[in-house]
Amino acid sequence: MTVFALVSSVLFTASGVSCFVGPDMRREFTRFGLDHLRILTGALELLGAGGLLVGLWWPPALRLAAGGLVLLMLAAMAIRARQRDGAWLILPAALLVGLNGVILAASLRR
């Protein structure tokens, strides 16, 4: 589970930073009509990434972070489906739902 949490933390750190400075992410949020949520989304991704790391020593943070990231990525999947994006564009969010779902499930068994 530690490796999964580390991988997820790195991915969400990259994505969170991209929400703040990435022109591609800015374009995507504009396309979705959600420009006003880009900075909040980036902050939540960075908070979740940090929570996964803290959670390696304090399990309640791991549960909260993994659960929150699952919800965030489920919302991302719904938004992409609403835009009629293909499965290839929905796949990264779906994989992150699965990865963080595994982290959450494992943390609940501790």
N, C-alpha and C. Protein backbone atom coordinates (compact mmCIF):
# COMPACT_ATOMS: atom_id res chain seq x y z
N MET A 1 0.82 -1.19 0.00
CA MET A 1 0.00 0.00 0.00
C MET A 1 0.87 1.26 0.00
N THR A 2 2.03 1.20 0.61
CA THR A 2 2.92 2.37 0.65
C THR A 2 3.30 2.80 -0.76
N VAL A 3 3.63 1.85 -1.61
CA VAL A 3 4.01 2.18 -2.99
C VAL A 3 2.83 2.82 -3.71
N PHE A 4 1.63 2.29 -3.53
CA PHE A 4 0.45 2.86 -4.17
C PHE A 4 0.23 4.29 -3.70
N ALA A 5 0.36 4.53 -2.41
CA ALA A 5 0.17 5.89 -1.88
C ALA A 5 1.23 6.84 -2.44
N LEU A 6 2.46 6.37 -2.56
CA LEU A 6 3.52 7.22 -3.11
C LEU A 6 3.26 7.54 -4.58
N VAL A 7 2.88 6.54 -5.35
CA VAL A 7 2.59 6.75 -6.77
C VAL A 7 1.43 7.73 -6.93
N SER A 8 0.36 7.52 -6.19
CA SER A 8 -0.79 8.41 -6.28
C SER A 8 -0.42 9.82 -5.86
N SER A 9 0.38 9.95 -4.81
CA SER A 9 0.79 11.26 -4.34
C SER A 9 1.58 12.01 -5.41
N VAL A 10 2.49 11.32 -6.08
CA VAL A 10 3.27 11.95 -7.15
C VAL A 10 2.36 12.39 -8.30
N LEU A 11 1.44 11.52 -8.69
CA LEU A 11 0.54 11.84 -9.80
C LEU A 11 -0.35 13.04 -9.47
N PHE A 12 -0.88 13.06 -8.25
CA PHE A 12 -1.76 14.17 -7.87
C PHE A 12 -0.98 15.46 -7.62
N THR A 13 0.26 15.35 -7.21
CA THR A 13 1.09 16.55 -7.08
C THR A 13 1.30 17.17 -8.46
N ALA A 14 1.64 16.35 -9.43
CA ALA A 14 1.85 16.84 -10.79
C ALA A 14 0.57 17.45 -11.36
N SER A 15 -0.54 16.78 -11.16
CA SER A 15 -1.81 17.28 -11.68
C SER A 15 -2.23 18.56 -10.96
N GLY A 16 -2.02 18.61 -9.65
CA GLY A 16 -2.38 19.80 -8.89
C GLY A 16 -1.58 21.01 -9.32
N VAL A 17 -0.28 20.82 -9.50
CA VAL A 17 0.57 21.92 -9.96
C VAL A 17 0.13 22.35 -11.36
N SER A 18 -0.21 21.39 -12.20
CA SER A 18 -0.66 21.69 -13.55
C SER A 18 -1.94 22.54 -13.54
N CYS A 19 -2.80 22.34 -12.57
CA CYS A 19 -4.00 23.16 -12.46
C CYS A 19 -3.66 24.63 -12.24
N PHE A 20 -2.56 24.88 -11.56
CA PHE A 20 -2.15 26.25 -11.29
C PHE A 20 -1.41 26.89 -12.45
N VAL A 21 -0.56 26.13 -13.14
CA VAL A 21 0.34 26.74 -14.13
C VAL A 21 0.24 26.14 -15.53
N GLY A 22 -0.49 25.07 -15.71
CA GLY A 22 -0.50 24.39 -16.99
C GLY A 22 -1.51 24.95 -17.97
N PRO A 23 -1.06 25.37 -19.15
CA PRO A 23 -2.00 25.89 -20.15
C PRO A 23 -2.98 24.82 -20.64
N ASP A 24 -2.55 23.57 -20.70
CA ASP A 24 -3.46 22.50 -21.14
C ASP A 24 -4.60 22.33 -20.13
N MET A 25 -4.28 22.36 -18.86
CA MET A 25 -5.31 22.21 -17.83
C MET A 25 -6.27 23.41 -17.87
N ARG A 26 -5.72 24.60 -18.08
CA ARG A 26 -6.56 25.80 -18.19
C ARG A 26 -7.55 25.63 -19.35
N ARG A 27 -7.06 25.15 -20.49
CA ARG A 27 -7.94 24.93 -21.65
C ARG A 27 -9.02 23.89 -21.35
N GLU A 28 -8.64 22.81 -20.67
CA GLU A 28 -9.62 21.76 -20.34
C GLU A 28 -10.73 22.30 -19.43
N PHE A 29 -10.35 23.04 -18.40
CA PHE A 29 -11.36 23.59 -17.50
C PHE A 29 -12.26 24.59 -18.23
N THR A 30 -11.69 25.35 -19.16
CA THR A 30 -12.50 26.27 -19.97
C THR A 30 -13.46 25.48 -20.84
N ARG A 31 -12.97 24.41 -21.45
CA ARG A 31 -13.83 23.56 -22.30
C ARG A 31 -14.98 22.96 -21.51
N PHE A 32 -14.71 22.61 -20.25
CA PHE A 32 -15.75 22.04 -19.40
C PHE A 32 -16.71 23.10 -18.88
N GLY A 33 -16.35 24.37 -19.03
CA GLY A 33 -17.17 25.44 -18.47
C GLY A 33 -16.98 25.56 -16.96
N LEU A 34 -15.81 25.13 -16.49
CA LEU A 34 -15.55 25.10 -15.05
C LEU A 34 -14.29 25.89 -14.68
N ASP A 35 -14.05 26.98 -15.39
CA ASP A 35 -12.86 27.79 -15.13
C ASP A 35 -12.76 28.17 -13.65
N HIS A 36 -13.90 28.46 -13.05
CA HIS A 36 -13.94 28.92 -11.66
C HIS A 36 -13.54 27.83 -10.66
N LEU A 37 -13.44 26.58 -11.09
CA LEU A 37 -13.08 25.48 -10.18
C LEU A 37 -11.65 24.98 -10.38
N ARG A 38 -10.92 25.55 -11.31
CA ARG A 38 -9.57 25.06 -11.62
C ARG A 38 -8.62 25.19 -10.43
N ILE A 39 -8.57 26.34 -9.80
CA ILE A 39 -7.65 26.55 -8.68
C ILE A 39 -8.08 25.69 -7.48
N LEU A 40 -9.38 25.62 -7.22
CA LEU A 40 -9.87 24.78 -6.12
C LEU A 40 -9.51 23.32 -6.37
N THR A 41 -9.69 22.87 -7.61
CA THR A 41 -9.36 21.48 -7.94
C THR A 41 -7.87 21.21 -7.72
N GLY A 42 -7.02 22.12 -8.18
CA GLY A 42 -5.59 21.97 -7.97
C GLY A 42 -5.24 21.92 -6.49
N ALA A 43 -5.87 22.78 -5.71
CA ALA A 43 -5.60 22.80 -4.27
C ALA A 43 -6.05 21.49 -3.62
N LEU A 44 -7.20 20.97 -4.03
CA LEU A 44 -7.68 19.70 -3.48
C LEU A 44 -6.77 18.55 -3.87
N GLU A 45 -6.26 18.57 -5.08
CA GLU A 45 -5.34 17.52 -5.51
C GLU A 45 -4.04 17.58 -4.71
N LEU A 46 -3.51 18.78 -4.49
CA LEU A 46 -2.29 18.91 -3.69
C LEU A 46 -2.54 18.53 -2.23
N LEU A 47 -3.68 18.91 -1.71
CA LEU A 47 -4.04 18.53 -0.34
C LEU A 47 -4.17 17.01 -0.22
N GLY A 48 -4.80 16.38 -1.21
CA GLY A 48 -4.92 14.93 -1.21
C GLY A 48 -3.58 14.24 -1.32
N ALA A 49 -2.70 14.77 -2.17
CA ALA A 49 -1.36 14.20 -2.32
C ALA A 49 -0.60 14.27 -1.00
N GLY A 50 -0.69 15.41 -0.34
CA GLY A 50 -0.03 15.55 0.96
C GLY A 50 -0.65 14.65 2.01
N GLY A 51 -1.97 14.53 1.97
CA GLY A 51 -2.67 13.66 2.92
C GLY A 51 -2.27 12.20 2.78
N LEU A 52 -2.03 11.77 1.56
CA LEU A 52 -1.57 10.39 1.35
C LEU A 52 -0.22 10.17 2.01
N LEU A 53 0.66 11.16 1.90
CA LEU A 53 1.99 11.03 2.52
C LEU A 53 1.90 11.06 4.04
N VAL A 54 1.14 12.00 4.57
CA VAL A 54 0.95 12.07 6.03
C VAL A 54 0.30 10.78 6.52
N GLY A 55 -0.60 10.25 5.70
CA GLY A 55 -1.32 9.04 6.07
C GLY A 55 -0.46 7.80 6.20
N LEU A 56 0.74 7.84 5.66
CA LEU A 56 1.64 6.71 5.85
C LEU A 56 2.06 6.59 7.31
N TRP A 57 1.96 7.68 8.05
CA TRP A 57 2.27 7.66 9.49
C TRP A 57 1.04 7.83 10.36
N TRP A 58 -0.01 8.43 9.81
CA TRP A 58 -1.25 8.68 10.57
C TRP A 58 -2.43 8.21 9.72
N PRO A 59 -2.89 6.97 9.93
CA PRO A 59 -3.91 6.36 9.06
C PRO A 59 -5.18 7.17 8.82
N PRO A 60 -5.70 7.94 9.79
CA PRO A 60 -6.91 8.72 9.46
C PRO A 60 -6.70 9.68 8.28
N ALA A 61 -5.51 10.24 8.16
CA ALA A 61 -5.23 11.13 7.02
C ALA A 61 -5.23 10.35 5.72
N LEU A 62 -4.73 9.13 5.74
CA LEU A 62 -4.72 8.29 4.54
C LEU A 62 -6.14 8.00 4.09
N ARG A 63 -6.99 7.66 5.02
CA ARG A 63 -8.39 7.36 4.69
C ARG A 63 -9.09 8.58 4.10
N LEU A 64 -8.91 9.71 4.75
CA LEU A 64 -9.56 10.94 4.29
C LEU A 64 -9.04 11.35 2.91
N ALA A 65 -7.73 11.31 2.74
CA ALA A 65 -7.14 11.71 1.46
C ALA A 65 -7.56 10.77 0.33
N ALA A 66 -7.44 9.47 0.56
CA ALA A 66 -7.81 8.51 -0.49
C ALA A 66 -9.29 8.61 -0.83
N GLY A 67 -10.13 8.73 0.18
CA GLY A 67 -11.57 8.87 -0.06
C GLY A 67 -11.90 10.14 -0.82
N GLY A 68 -11.27 11.24 -0.43
CA GLY A 68 -11.49 12.50 -1.12
C GLY A 68 -11.03 12.46 -2.57
N LEU A 69 -9.89 11.83 -2.81
CA LEU A 69 -9.40 11.73 -4.18
C LEU A 69 -10.28 10.81 -5.03
N VAL A 70 -10.83 9.77 -4.44
CA VAL A 70 -11.79 8.93 -5.16
C VAL A 70 -12.98 9.78 -5.60
N LEU A 71 -13.52 10.57 -4.69
CA LEU A 71 -14.68 11.42 -5.02
C LEU A 71 -14.32 12.45 -6.10
N LEU A 72 -13.15 13.04 -5.98
CA LEU A 72 -12.71 14.03 -6.96
C LEU A 72 -12.59 13.41 -8.35
N MET A 73 -12.04 12.21 -8.42
CA MET A 73 -11.87 11.56 -9.72
C MET A 73 -13.19 11.01 -10.27
N LEU A 74 -14.10 10.63 -9.39
CA LEU A 74 -15.44 10.25 -9.87
C LEU A 74 -16.12 11.45 -10.51
N ALA A 75 -15.95 12.63 -9.90
CA ALA A 75 -16.50 13.85 -10.49
C ALA A 75 -15.83 14.13 -11.84
N ALA A 76 -14.52 13.92 -11.93
CA ALA A 76 -13.80 14.13 -13.19
C ALA A 76 -14.34 13.19 -14.27
N MET A 77 -14.60 11.95 -13.90
CA MET A 77 -15.15 10.99 -14.86
C MET A 77 -16.53 11.44 -15.35
N ALA A 78 -17.35 11.90 -14.42
CA ALA A 78 -18.70 12.35 -14.79
C ALA A 78 -18.64 13.57 -15.72
N ILE A 79 -17.73 14.49 -15.43
CA ILE A 79 -17.59 15.68 -16.27
C ILE A 79 -17.12 15.29 -17.67
N ARG A 80 -16.16 14.41 -17.76
CA ARG A 80 -15.67 13.98 -19.07
C ARG A 80 -16.77 13.21 -19.83
N ALA A 81 -17.55 12.40 -19.12
CA ALA A 81 -18.65 11.68 -19.77
C ALA A 81 -19.70 12.66 -20.28
N ARG A 82 -19.97 13.71 -19.49
CA ARG A 82 -20.93 14.73 -19.90
C ARG A 82 -20.45 15.45 -21.17
N GLN A 83 -19.14 15.59 -21.31
CA GLN A 83 -18.56 16.23 -22.49
C GLN A 83 -18.47 15.27 -23.67
N ARG A 84 -18.86 14.03 -23.43
CA ARG A 84 -18.78 12.97 -24.45
C ARG A 84 -17.35 12.69 -24.87
N ASP A 85 -16.43 12.85 -23.90
CA ASP A 85 -15.05 12.46 -24.15
C ASP A 85 -14.99 10.94 -24.26
N GLY A 86 -14.09 10.45 -25.04
CA GLY A 86 -13.97 9.01 -25.23
C GLY A 86 -13.37 8.32 -24.02
N ALA A 87 -13.43 7.01 -24.05
CA ALA A 87 -12.93 6.20 -22.95
C ALA A 87 -11.45 6.47 -22.68
N TRP A 88 -10.68 6.77 -23.73
CA TRP A 88 -9.25 7.02 -23.57
C TRP A 88 -9.00 8.24 -22.67
N LEU A 89 -9.87 9.25 -22.77
CA LEU A 89 -9.72 10.45 -21.94
C LEU A 89 -10.27 10.25 -20.53
N ILE A 90 -11.18 9.32 -20.38
CA ILE A 90 -11.76 9.02 -19.06
C ILE A 90 -10.87 8.05 -18.28
N LEU A 91 -10.08 7.27 -18.99
CA LEU A 91 -9.27 6.22 -18.39
C LEU A 91 -8.35 6.69 -17.25
N PRO A 92 -7.60 7.79 -17.38
CA PRO A 92 -6.73 8.19 -16.27
C PRO A 92 -7.49 8.42 -14.96
N ALA A 93 -8.62 9.09 -15.03
CA ALA A 93 -9.42 9.30 -13.82
C ALA A 93 -9.93 7.98 -13.27
N ALA A 94 -10.35 7.08 -14.16
CA ALA A 94 -10.84 5.78 -13.71
C ALA A 94 -9.74 4.98 -13.02
N LEU A 95 -8.53 5.03 -13.57
CA LEU A 95 -7.41 4.33 -12.93
C LEU A 95 -7.09 4.92 -11.56
N LEU A 96 -7.19 6.24 -11.44
CA LEU A 96 -6.95 6.88 -10.14
C LEU A 96 -8.06 6.57 -9.14
N VAL A 97 -9.28 6.40 -9.62
CA VAL A 97 -10.36 5.95 -8.73
C VAL A 97 -10.00 4.57 -8.19
N GLY A 98 -9.59 3.68 -9.07
CA GLY A 98 -9.22 2.33 -8.65
C GLY A 98 -8.04 2.32 -7.70
N LEU A 99 -7.00 3.06 -8.03
CA LEU A 99 -5.81 3.10 -7.20
C LEU A 99 -6.12 3.62 -5.80
N ASN A 100 -6.84 4.72 -5.73
CA ASN A 100 -7.16 5.29 -4.42
C ASN A 100 -8.24 4.50 -3.70
N GLY A 101 -9.07 3.80 -4.45
CA GLY A 101 -10.04 2.89 -3.83
C GLY A 101 -9.32 1.73 -3.13
N VAL A 102 -8.28 1.22 -3.77
CA VAL A 102 -7.47 0.16 -3.16
C VAL A 102 -6.79 0.69 -1.90
N ILE A 103 -6.24 1.89 -1.98
CA ILE A 103 -5.58 2.49 -0.81
C ILE A 103 -6.59 2.66 0.32
N LEU A 104 -7.76 3.17 0.00
CA LEU A 104 -8.79 3.36 1.02
C LEU A 104 -9.21 2.03 1.64
N ALA A 105 -9.48 1.05 0.80
CA ALA A 105 -9.90 -0.27 1.32
C ALA A 105 -8.84 -0.88 2.21
N ALA A 106 -7.59 -0.81 1.79
CA ALA A 106 -6.50 -1.37 2.59
C ALA A 106 -6.35 -0.63 3.91
N SER A 107 -6.53 0.69 3.88
CA SER A 107 -6.39 1.47 5.12
C SER A 107 -7.51 1.19 6.11
N LEU A 108 -8.67 0.82 5.59
CA LEU A 108 -9.80 0.49 6.47
C LEU A 108 -9.63 -0.86 7.14
N ARG A 109 -8.81 -1.73 6.54
CA ARG A 109 -8.57 -3.06 7.12
C ARG A 109 -7.52 -3.02 8.20
N ARG A 110 -6.79 -1.93 8.34
CA ARG A 110 -5.73 -1.82 9.34
C ARG A 110 -6.31 -1.74 10.73
